[in-house]
PDB file of N, CA and C in Angstrom:
ATOM      1  N   UNK A   1     110.078  78.740 347.756  1.00  0.00           N
ATOM      2  CA  UNK A   1     108.718  78.965 348.180  1.00  0.00           C
ATOM      3  C   UNK A   1     108.630  78.972 349.700  1.00  0.00           C
ATOM      4  N   UNK A   2     109.364  78.056 350.365  1.00  0.00           N
ATOM      5  CA  UNK A   2     109.341  78.036 351.823  1.00  0.00           C
ATOM      6  C   UNK A   2     109.933  79.328 352.383  1.00  0.00           C
ATOM      7  N   UNK A   3     110.888  79.899 351.635  1.00  0.00           N
ATOM      8  CA  UNK A   3     111.490  81.154 352.084  1.00  0.00           C
ATOM      9  C   UNK A   3     110.450  82.262 352.108  1.00  0.00           C
ATOM     10  N   UNK A   4     109.611  82.347 351.050  1.00  0.00           N
ATOM     11  CA  UNK A   4     108.551  83.347 350.998  1.00  0.00           C
ATOM     12  C   UNK A   4     107.566  83.126 352.140  1.00  0.00           C
ATOM     13  N   UNK A   5     107.176  81.890 352.359  1.00  0.00           N
ATOM     14  CA  UNK A   5     106.250  81.576 353.434  1.00  0.00           C
ATOM     15  C   UNK A   5     106.853  81.949 354.781  1.00  0.00           C
ATOM     16  N   UNK A   6     108.132  81.666 354.948  1.00  0.00           N
ATOM     17  CA  UNK A   6     108.800  82.004 356.203  1.00  0.00           C
ATOM     18  C   UNK A   6     108.845  83.512 356.399  1.00  0.00           C
ATOM     19  N   UNK A   7     109.066  84.251 355.318  1.00  0.00           N
ATOM     20  CA  UNK A   7     109.096  85.714 355.425  1.00  0.00           C
ATOM     21  C   UNK A   7     107.731  86.268 355.798  1.00  0.00           C
ATOM     22  N   UNK A   8     106.682  85.728 355.193  1.00  0.00           N
ATOM     23  CA  UNK A   8     105.318  86.161 355.518  1.00  0.00           C
ATOM     24  C   UNK A   8     105.021  85.860 356.977  1.00  0.00           C
ATOM     25  N   UNK A   9     105.354  84.654 357.403  1.00  0.00           N
ATOM     26  CA  UNK A   9     105.124  84.251 358.790  1.00  0.00           C
ATOM     27  C   UNK A   9     105.899  85.145 359.743  1.00  0.00           C
ATOM     28  N   UNK A  10     107.149  85.406 359.426  1.00  0.00           N
ATOM     29  CA  UNK A  10     107.975  86.251 360.285  1.00  0.00           C
ATOM     30  C   UNK A  10     107.404  87.650 360.399  1.00  0.00           C
ATOM     31  N   UNK A  11     106.898  88.204 359.300  1.00  0.00           N
ATOM     32  CA  UNK A  11     106.339  89.556 359.362  1.00  0.00           C
ATOM     33  C   UNK A  11     105.060  89.592 360.190  1.00  0.00           C
ATOM     34  N   UNK A  12     104.242  88.526 360.102  1.00  0.00           N
ATOM     35  CA  UNK A  12     103.031  88.462 360.924  1.00  0.00           C
ATOM     36  C   UNK A  12     103.410  88.370 362.395  1.00  0.00           C
ATOM     37  N   UNK A  13     104.348  87.492 362.696  1.00  0.00           N
ATOM     38  CA  UNK A  13     104.763  87.313 364.084  1.00  0.00           C
ATOM     39  C   UNK A  13     105.394  88.587 364.648  1.00  0.00           C
ATOM     40  N   UNK A  14     106.185  89.259 363.849  1.00  0.00           N
ATOM     41  CA  UNK A  14     106.837  90.482 364.312  1.00  0.00           C
ATOM     42  C   UNK A  14     105.810  91.564 364.631  1.00  0.00           C
ATOM     43  N   UNK A  15     104.715  91.582 363.874  1.00  0.00           N
ATOM     44  CA  UNK A  15     103.701  92.595 364.121  1.00  0.00           C
ATOM     45  C   UNK A  15     102.834  92.269 365.336  1.00  0.00           C
ATOM     46  N   UNK A  16     102.803  91.006 365.751  1.00  0.00           N
ATOM     47  CA  UNK A  16     101.951  90.599 366.865  1.00  0.00           C
ATOM     48  C   UNK A  16     102.598  90.767 368.232  1.00  0.00           C
ATOM     49  N   UNK A  17     103.898  90.588 368.309  1.00  0.00           N
ATOM     50  CA  UNK A  17     104.570  90.666 369.605  1.00  0.00           C
ATOM     51  C   UNK A  17     106.048  90.969 369.408  1.00  0.00           C
ATOM     52  N   UNK A  18     106.654  91.651 370.350  1.00  0.00           N
ATOM     53  CA  UNK A  18     108.057  92.023 370.213  1.00  0.00           C
ATOM     54  C   UNK A  18     109.047  90.918 370.560  1.00  0.00           C
ATOM     55  N   UNK A  19     108.559  89.725 370.923  1.00  0.00           N
ATOM     56  CA  UNK A  19     109.471  88.652 371.310  1.00  0.00           C
ATOM     57  C   UNK A  19     109.892  87.814 370.106  1.00  0.00           C
ATOM     58  N   UNK A  20     110.935  87.030 370.266  1.00  0.00           N
ATOM     59  CA  UNK A  20     111.426  86.161 369.195  1.00  0.00           C
ATOM     60  C   UNK A  20     110.534  84.937 369.060  1.00  0.00           C
ATOM     61  N   UNK A  21     110.381  84.429 367.824  1.00  0.00           N
ATOM     62  CA  UNK A  21     109.526  83.280 367.546  1.00  0.00           C
ATOM     63  C   UNK A  21     110.314  82.242 366.770  1.00  0.00           C
ATOM     64  N   UNK A  22     110.054  80.984 367.057  1.00  0.00           N
ATOM     65  CA  UNK A  22     110.595  79.883 366.272  1.00  0.00           C
ATOM     66  C   UNK A  22     109.424  79.278 365.515  1.00  0.00           C
ATOM     67  N   UNK A  23     109.508  79.191 364.191  1.00  0.00           N
ATOM     68  CA  UNK A  23     108.392  78.734 363.381  1.00  0.00           C
ATOM     69  C   UNK A  23     108.776  77.456 362.651  1.00  0.00           C
ATOM     70  N   UNK A  24     107.946  76.429 362.800  1.00  0.00           N
ATOM     71  CA  UNK A  24     108.100  75.187 362.060  1.00  0.00           C
ATOM     72  C   UNK A  24     106.983  75.173 361.018  1.00  0.00           C
ATOM     73  N   UNK A  25     107.351  75.330 359.737  1.00  0.00           N
ATOM     74  CA  UNK A  25     106.361  75.459 358.684  1.00  0.00           C
ATOM     75  C   UNK A  25     105.575  74.181 358.430  1.00  0.00           C
ATOM     76  N   UNK A  26     106.003  73.063 358.993  1.00  0.00           N
ATOM     77  CA  UNK A  26     105.300  71.801 358.810  1.00  0.00           C
ATOM     78  C   UNK A  26     104.236  71.567 359.873  1.00  0.00           C
ATOM     79  N   UNK A  27     104.084  72.491 360.797  1.00  0.00           N
ATOM     80  CA  UNK A  27     103.111  72.348 361.882  1.00  0.00           C
ATOM     81  C   UNK A  27     102.170  73.548 361.880  1.00  0.00           C
ATOM     82  N   UNK A  28     100.989  73.385 362.461  1.00  0.00           N
ATOM     83  CA  UNK A  28     100.060  74.515 362.541  1.00  0.00           C
ATOM     84  C   UNK A  28     100.699  75.708 363.260  1.00  0.00           C
ATOM     85  N   UNK A  29     100.350  76.884 362.819  1.00  0.00           N
ATOM     86  CA  UNK A  29     100.869  78.117 363.391  1.00  0.00           C
ATOM     87  C   UNK A  29      99.858  78.659 364.390  1.00  0.00           C
ATOM     88  N   UNK A  30     100.281  78.826 365.646  1.00  0.00           N
ATOM     89  CA  UNK A  30      99.392  79.378 366.676  1.00  0.00           C
ATOM     90  C   UNK A  30      99.705  80.850 366.837  1.00  0.00           C
ATOM     91  N   UNK A  31      98.703  81.668 366.634  1.00  0.00           N
ATOM     92  CA  UNK A  31      98.842  83.092 366.860  1.00  0.00           C
ATOM     93  C   UNK A  31      98.422  83.350 368.297  1.00  0.00           C
ATOM     94  N   UNK A  32      99.194  84.136 369.024  1.00  0.00           N
ATOM     95  CA  UNK A  32      98.956  84.324 370.459  1.00  0.00           C
ATOM     96  C   UNK A  32      97.518  84.725 370.791  1.00  0.00           C
ATOM     97  N   UNK A  33      96.866  83.858 371.576  1.00  0.00           N
ATOM     98  CA  UNK A  33      95.553  84.177 372.115  1.00  0.00           C
ATOM     99  C   UNK A  33      94.427  84.293 371.115  1.00  0.00           C
ATOM    100  N   UNK A  34      94.648  83.897 369.853  1.00  0.00           N
ATOM    101  CA  UNK A  34      93.582  84.106 368.887  1.00  0.00           C
ATOM    102  C   UNK A  34      93.214  82.843 368.120  1.00  0.00           C
ATOM    103  N   UNK A  35      94.030  82.443 367.159  1.00  0.00           N
ATOM    104  CA  UNK A  35      93.659  81.358 366.254  1.00  0.00           C
ATOM    105  C   UNK A  35      94.838  80.427 365.985  1.00  0.00           C
ATOM    106  N   UNK A  36      94.526  79.267 365.432  1.00  0.00           N
ATOM    107  CA  UNK A  36      95.545  78.340 364.952  1.00  0.00           C
ATOM    108  C   UNK A  36      95.343  78.176 363.456  1.00  0.00           C
ATOM    109  N   UNK A  37      96.410  78.413 362.687  1.00  0.00           N
ATOM    110  CA  UNK A  37      96.361  78.311 361.238  1.00  0.00           C
ATOM    111  C   UNK A  37      96.907  76.947 360.830  1.00  0.00           C
ATOM    112  N   UNK A  38      96.268  76.318 359.842  1.00  0.00           N
ATOM    113  CA  UNK A  38      96.719  75.036 359.310  1.00  0.00           C
ATOM    114  C   UNK A  38      98.153  75.196 358.797  1.00  0.00           C
ATOM    115  N   UNK A  39      98.971  74.151 358.923  1.00  0.00           N
ATOM    116  CA  UNK A  39     100.354  74.196 358.453  1.00  0.00           C
ATOM    117  C   UNK A  39     100.403  74.589 356.977  1.00  0.00           C
ATOM    118  N   UNK A  40     101.343  75.448 356.628  1.00  0.00           N
ATOM    119  CA  UNK A  40     101.458  75.935 355.261  1.00  0.00           C
ATOM    120  C   UNK A  40     101.663  74.790 354.270  1.00  0.00           C
ATOM    121  N   UNK A  41     102.466  73.806 354.632  1.00  0.00           N
ATOM    122  CA  UNK A  41     102.704  72.671 353.740  1.00  0.00           C
ATOM    123  C   UNK A  41     101.406  71.918 353.447  1.00  0.00           C
ATOM    124  N   UNK A  42     100.548  71.809 354.434  1.00  0.00           N
ATOM    125  CA  UNK A  42      99.269  71.123 354.244  1.00  0.00           C
ATOM    126  C   UNK A  42      98.357  71.940 353.326  1.00  0.00           C
ATOM    127  N   UNK A  43      98.333  73.254 353.499  1.00  0.00           N
ATOM    128  CA  UNK A  43      97.522  74.114 352.639  1.00  0.00           C
ATOM    129  C   UNK A  43      98.008  74.041 351.191  1.00  0.00           C
ATOM    130  N   UNK A  44      99.334  74.060 351.004  1.00  0.00           N
ATOM    131  CA  UNK A  44      99.900  73.959 349.659  1.00  0.00           C
ATOM    132  C   UNK A  44      99.569  72.603 349.039  1.00  0.00           C
ATOM    133  N   UNK A  45      99.645  71.533 349.819  1.00  0.00           N
ATOM    134  CA  UNK A  45      99.321  70.200 349.314  1.00  0.00           C
ATOM    135  C   UNK A  45      97.865  70.124 348.874  1.00  0.00           C
ATOM    136  N   UNK A  46      96.969  70.757 349.611  1.00  0.00           N
ATOM    137  CA  UNK A  46      95.553  70.788 349.242  1.00  0.00           C
ATOM    138  C   UNK A  46      95.375  71.482 347.901  1.00  0.00           C
ATOM    139  N   UNK A  47      96.045  72.615 347.721  1.00  0.00           N
ATOM    140  CA  UNK A  47      95.944  73.368 346.465  1.00  0.00           C
ATOM    141  C   UNK A  47      96.517  72.560 345.302  1.00  0.00           C
ATOM    142  N   UNK A  48      97.672  71.941 345.507  1.00  0.00           N
ATOM    143  CA  UNK A  48      98.312  71.161 344.441  1.00  0.00           C
ATOM    144  C   UNK A  48      97.481  69.930 344.066  1.00  0.00           C
ATOM    145  N   UNK A  49      96.751  69.364 345.006  1.00  0.00           N
ATOM    146  CA  UNK A  49      95.912  68.198 344.730  1.00  0.00           C
ATOM    147  C   UNK A  49      94.765  68.545 343.775  1.00  0.00           C
ATOM    148  N   UNK A  50      94.366  69.803 343.738  1.00  0.00           N
ATOM    149  CA  UNK A  50      93.296  70.230 342.839  1.00  0.00           C
ATOM    150  C   UNK A  50      93.745  70.213 341.381  1.00  0.00           C
ATOM    151  N   UNK A  51      95.053  70.397 341.162  1.00  0.00           N
ATOM    152  CA  UNK A  51      95.614  70.443 339.811  1.00  0.00           C
ATOM    153  C   UNK A  51      96.921  69.652 339.806  1.00  0.00           C
ATOM    154  N   UNK A  52      96.821  68.316 339.748  1.00  0.00           N
ATOM    155  CA  UNK A  52      98.017  67.468 339.801  1.00  0.00           C
ATOM    156  C   UNK A  52      99.042  67.844 338.725  1.00  0.00           C
ATOM    157  N   UNK A  53     100.303  67.807 339.106  1.00  0.00           N
ATOM    158  CA  UNK A  53     101.387  68.141 338.184  1.00  0.00           C
ATOM    159  C   UNK A  53     101.659  69.629 338.083  1.00  0.00           C
ATOM    160  N   UNK A  54     100.957  70.428 338.854  1.00  0.00           N
ATOM    161  CA  UNK A  54     101.142  71.882 338.824  1.00  0.00           C
ATOM    162  C   UNK A  54     102.374  72.300 339.609  1.00  0.00           C
ATOM    163  N   UNK A  55     102.804  73.528 339.351  1.00  0.00           N
ATOM    164  CA  UNK A  55     103.929  74.131 340.036  1.00  0.00           C
ATOM    165  C   UNK A  55     103.435  75.339 340.829  1.00  0.00           C
ATOM    166  N   UNK A  56     103.908  75.472 342.066  1.00  0.00           N
ATOM    167  CA  UNK A  56     103.563  76.647 342.869  1.00  0.00           C
ATOM    168  C   UNK A  56     104.272  77.874 342.300  1.00  0.00           C
ATOM    169  N   UNK A  57     103.534  78.944 342.091  1.00  0.00           N
ATOM    170  CA  UNK A  57     104.115  80.198 341.631  1.00  0.00           C
ATOM    171  C   UNK A  57     104.253  81.207 342.763  1.00  0.00           C
ATOM    172  N   UNK A  58     103.227  81.260 343.625  1.00  0.00           N
ATOM    173  CA  UNK A  58     103.228  82.262 344.691  1.00  0.00           C
ATOM    174  C   UNK A  58     102.254  81.826 345.780  1.00  0.00           C
ATOM    175  N   UNK A  59     102.545  82.226 347.003  1.00  0.00           N
ATOM    176  CA  UNK A  59     101.636  81.994 348.122  1.00  0.00           C
ATOM    177  C   UNK A  59     101.546  83.266 348.945  1.00  0.00           C
ATOM    178  N   UNK A  60     100.427  83.427 349.633  1.00  0.00           N
ATOM    179  CA  UNK A  60     100.231  84.635 350.426  1.00  0.00           C
ATOM    180  C   UNK A  60      99.223  84.332 351.531  1.00  0.00           C
ATOM    181  N   UNK A  61      99.519  84.779 352.736  1.00  0.00           N
ATOM    182  CA  UNK A  61      98.597  84.665 353.855  1.00  0.00           C
ATOM    183  C   UNK A  61      98.068  86.058 354.146  1.00  0.00           C
ATOM    184  N   UNK A  62      96.748  86.205 354.082  1.00  0.00           N
ATOM    185  CA  UNK A  62      96.109  87.502 354.311  1.00  0.00           C
ATOM    186  C   UNK A  62      95.032  87.373 355.376  1.00  0.00           C
ATOM    187  N   UNK A  63      94.726  88.478 355.987  1.00  0.00           N
ATOM    188  CA  UNK A  63      93.609  88.563 356.927  1.00  0.00           C
ATOM    189  C   UNK A  63      92.647  89.580 356.347  1.00  0.00           C
ATOM    190  N   UNK A  64      91.436  89.127 356.026  1.00  0.00           N
ATOM    191  CA  UNK A  64      90.413  90.003 355.454  1.00  0.00           C
ATOM    192  C   UNK A  64      89.122  89.862 356.254  1.00  0.00           C
ATOM    193  N   UNK A  65      88.639  90.959 356.764  1.00  0.00           N
ATOM    194  CA  UNK A  65      87.387  90.978 357.512  1.00  0.00           C
ATOM    195  C   UNK A  65      87.375  89.959 358.649  1.00  0.00           C
ATOM    196  N   UNK A  66      88.508  89.813 359.314  1.00  0.00           N
ATOM    197  CA  UNK A  66      88.607  88.901 360.445  1.00  0.00           C
ATOM    198  C   UNK A  66      88.795  87.441 360.066  1.00  0.00           C
ATOM    199  N   UNK A  67      88.993  87.149 358.789  1.00  0.00           N
ATOM    200  CA  UNK A  67      89.167  85.778 358.312  1.00  0.00           C
ATOM    201  C   UNK A  67      90.564  85.640 357.708  1.00  0.00           C
ATOM    202  N   UNK A  68      91.262  84.547 358.064  1.00  0.00           N
ATOM    203  CA  UNK A  68      92.596  84.300 357.534  1.00  0.00           C
ATOM    204  C   UNK A  68      92.491  83.484 356.266  1.00  0.00           C
ATOM    205  N   UNK A  69      93.055  84.008 355.170  1.00  0.00           N
ATOM    206  CA  UNK A  69      92.994  83.365 353.861  1.00  0.00           C
ATOM    207  C   UNK A  69      94.398  83.051 353.372  1.00  0.00           C
ATOM    208  N   UNK A  70      94.564  81.863 352.836  1.00  0.00           N
ATOM    209  CA  UNK A  70      95.833  81.454 352.244  1.00  0.00           C
ATOM    210  C   UNK A  70      95.608  81.374 350.744  1.00  0.00           C
ATOM    211  N   UNK A  71      96.291  82.227 349.995  1.00  0.00           N
ATOM    212  CA  UNK A  71      96.114  82.284 348.551  1.00  0.00           C
ATOM    213  C   UNK A  71      97.318  81.651 347.864  1.00  0.00           C
ATOM    214  N   UNK A  72      97.019  80.795 346.899  1.00  0.00           N
ATOM    215  CA  UNK A  72      98.054  80.059 346.185  1.00  0.00           C
ATOM    216  C   UNK A  72      97.852  80.269 344.693  1.00  0.00           C
ATOM    217  N   UNK A  73      98.938  80.584 343.991  1.00  0.00           N
ATOM    218  CA  UNK A  73      98.902  80.658 342.539  1.00  0.00           C
ATOM    219  C   UNK A  73      99.695  79.477 341.997  1.00  0.00           C
ATOM    220  N   UNK A  74      99.077  78.753 341.047  1.00  0.00           N
ATOM    221  CA  UNK A  74      99.675  77.566 340.450  1.00  0.00           C
ATOM    222  C   UNK A  74      99.751  77.721 338.940  1.00  0.00           C
ATOM    223  N   UNK A  75     100.662  76.965 338.333  1.00  0.00           N
ATOM    224  CA  UNK A  75     100.684  76.826 336.882  1.00  0.00           C
ATOM    225  C   UNK A  75     100.624  75.335 336.581  1.00  0.00           C
ATOM    226  N   UNK A  76      99.606  74.928 335.796  1.00  0.00           N
ATOM    227  CA  UNK A  76      99.466  73.504 335.506  1.00  0.00           C
ATOM    228  C   UNK A  76     100.373  73.088 334.348  1.00  0.00           C
ATOM    229  N   UNK A  77     100.336  71.806 334.010  1.00  0.00           N
ATOM    230  CA  UNK A  77     101.216  71.251 332.983  1.00  0.00           C
ATOM    231  C   UNK A  77     100.968  71.862 331.602  1.00  0.00           C
ATOM    232  N   UNK A  78      99.783  72.453 331.403  1.00  0.00           N
ATOM    233  CA  UNK A  78      99.442  73.087 330.123  1.00  0.00           C
ATOM    234  C   UNK A  78      99.767  74.572 330.099  1.00  0.00           C
ATOM    235  N   UNK A  79     100.398  75.074 331.171  1.00  0.00           N
ATOM    236  CA  UNK A  79     100.755  76.493 331.240  1.00  0.00           C
ATOM    237  C   UNK A  79      99.624  77.394 331.697  1.00  0.00           C
ATOM    238  N   UNK A  80      98.530  76.815 332.163  1.00  0.00           N
ATOM    239  CA  UNK A  80      97.392  77.599 332.645  1.00  0.00           C
ATOM    240  C   UNK A  80      97.612  77.935 334.112  1.00  0.00           C
ATOM    241  N   UNK A  81      97.402  79.199 334.450  1.00  0.00           N
ATOM    242  CA  UNK A  81      97.573  79.633 335.838  1.00  0.00           C
ATOM    243  C   UNK A  81      96.236  79.576 336.570  1.00  0.00           C
ATOM    244  N   UNK A  82      96.309  79.129 337.822  1.00  0.00           N
ATOM    245  CA  UNK A  82      95.135  78.968 338.677  1.00  0.00           C
ATOM    246  C   UNK A  82      95.337  79.740 339.966  1.00  0.00           C
ATOM    247  N   UNK A  83      94.269  80.308 340.473  1.00  0.00           N
ATOM    248  CA  UNK A  83      94.285  80.968 341.775  1.00  0.00           C
ATOM    249  C   UNK A  83      93.404  80.160 342.723  1.00  0.00           C
ATOM    250  N   UNK A  84      94.022  79.704 343.814  1.00  0.00           N
ATOM    251  CA  UNK A  84      93.319  78.919 344.821  1.00  0.00           C
ATOM    252  C   UNK A  84      93.295  79.745 346.107  1.00  0.00           C
ATOM    253  N   UNK A  85      92.145  79.799 346.744  1.00  0.00           N
ATOM    254  CA  UNK A  85      92.022  80.495 348.024  1.00  0.00           C
ATOM    255  C   UNK A  85      91.488  79.499 349.041  1.00  0.00           C
ATOM    256  N   UNK A  86      92.200  79.389 350.169  1.00  0.00           N
ATOM    257  CA  UNK A  86      91.831  78.439 351.223  1.00  0.00           C
ATOM    258  C   UNK A  86      91.589  79.179 352.533  1.00  0.00           C
ATOM    259  N   UNK A  87      90.670  78.649 353.316  1.00  0.00           N
ATOM    260  CA  UNK A  87      90.479  79.152 354.672  1.00  0.00           C
ATOM    261  C   UNK A  87      91.663  78.634 355.480  1.00  0.00           C
ATOM    262  N   UNK A  88      92.492  79.534 355.988  1.00  0.00           N
ATOM    263  CA  UNK A  88      93.722  79.132 356.681  1.00  0.00           C
ATOM    264  C   UNK A  88      93.449  78.470 358.027  1.00  0.00           C
ATOM    265  N   UNK A  89      92.241  78.606 358.557  1.00  0.00           N
ATOM    266  CA  UNK A  89      91.910  77.986 359.837  1.00  0.00           C
ATOM    267  C   UNK A  89      91.408  76.560 359.678  1.00  0.00           C
ATOM    268  N   UNK A  90      90.731  76.286 358.546  1.00  0.00           N
ATOM    269  CA  UNK A  90      90.132  74.969 358.348  1.00  0.00           C
ATOM    270  C   UNK A  90      90.755  74.191 357.193  1.00  0.00           C
ATOM    271  N   UNK A  91      91.394  74.876 356.271  1.00  0.00           N
ATOM    272  CA  UNK A  91      91.946  74.244 355.079  1.00  0.00           C
ATOM    273  C   UNK A  91      90.923  74.082 353.967  1.00  0.00           C
ATOM    274  N   UNK A  92      89.701  74.553 354.171  1.00  0.00           N
ATOM    275  CA  UNK A  92      88.627  74.439 353.179  1.00  0.00           C
ATOM    276  C   UNK A  92      88.941  75.302 351.955  1.00  0.00           C
ATOM    277  N   UNK A  93      88.701  74.735 350.759  1.00  0.00           N
ATOM    278  CA  UNK A  93      88.910  75.466 349.514  1.00  0.00           C
ATOM    279  C   UNK A  93      87.747  76.443 349.336  1.00  0.00           C
ATOM    280  N   UNK A  94      88.063  77.723 349.216  1.00  0.00           N
ATOM    281  CA  UNK A  94      87.041  78.747 349.058  1.00  0.00           C
ATOM    282  C   UNK A  94      86.914  79.203 347.606  1.00  0.00           C
ATOM    283  N   UNK A  95      88.041  79.143 346.881  1.00  0.00           N
ATOM    284  CA  UNK A  95      88.055  79.603 345.503  1.00  0.00           C
ATOM    285  C   UNK A  95      89.052  78.757 344.723  1.00  0.00           C
ATOM    286  N   UNK A  96      88.690  78.420 343.490  1.00  0.00           N
ATOM    287  CA  UNK A  96      89.567  77.656 342.618  1.00  0.00           C
ATOM    288  C   UNK A  96      89.217  78.079 341.197  1.00  0.00           C
ATOM    289  N   UNK A  97      89.918  79.093 340.696  1.00  0.00           N
ATOM    290  CA  UNK A  97      89.559  79.555 339.354  1.00  0.00           C
ATOM    291  C   UNK A  97      90.798  79.849 338.516  1.00  0.00           C
ATOM    292  N   UNK A  98      90.576  79.786 337.213  1.00  0.00           N
ATOM    293  CA  UNK A  98      91.644  80.028 336.252  1.00  0.00           C
ATOM    294  C   UNK A  98      91.902  81.525 336.162  1.00  0.00           C
ATOM    295  N   UNK A  99      93.180  81.878 336.110  1.00  0.00           N
ATOM    296  CA  UNK A  99      93.567  83.279 335.950  1.00  0.00           C
ATOM    297  C   UNK A  99      93.205  83.744 334.544  1.00  0.00           C
ATOM    298  N   UNK A 100      92.782  84.974 334.444  1.00  0.00           N
ATOM    299  CA  UNK A 100      92.467  85.542 333.134  1.00  0.00           C
ATOM    300  C   UNK A 100      93.454  86.593 332.737  1.00  0.00           C
TER     301      UNK A 100
END
């Protein structure tokens, strides 16, 4: 999962500037001159706390309409899949619903 997050982060950084970046996934991510995103590990922990005992299936960082969203897909102990959407700047839970 950290590998996927690192790949997403690397692709965002590569698109923002041509220089090399060192990324620590346990710390907030600062995008040059714009915003600071909550650490990915903290966002994942927030999502997992909503459904204790769940397993992370997928994560994705998106920018929609000028807002950074961190989307997490979980599977709980009963095999039910959940989609969690967090504001990547504040860590606030925006969506928490069962997959259909």
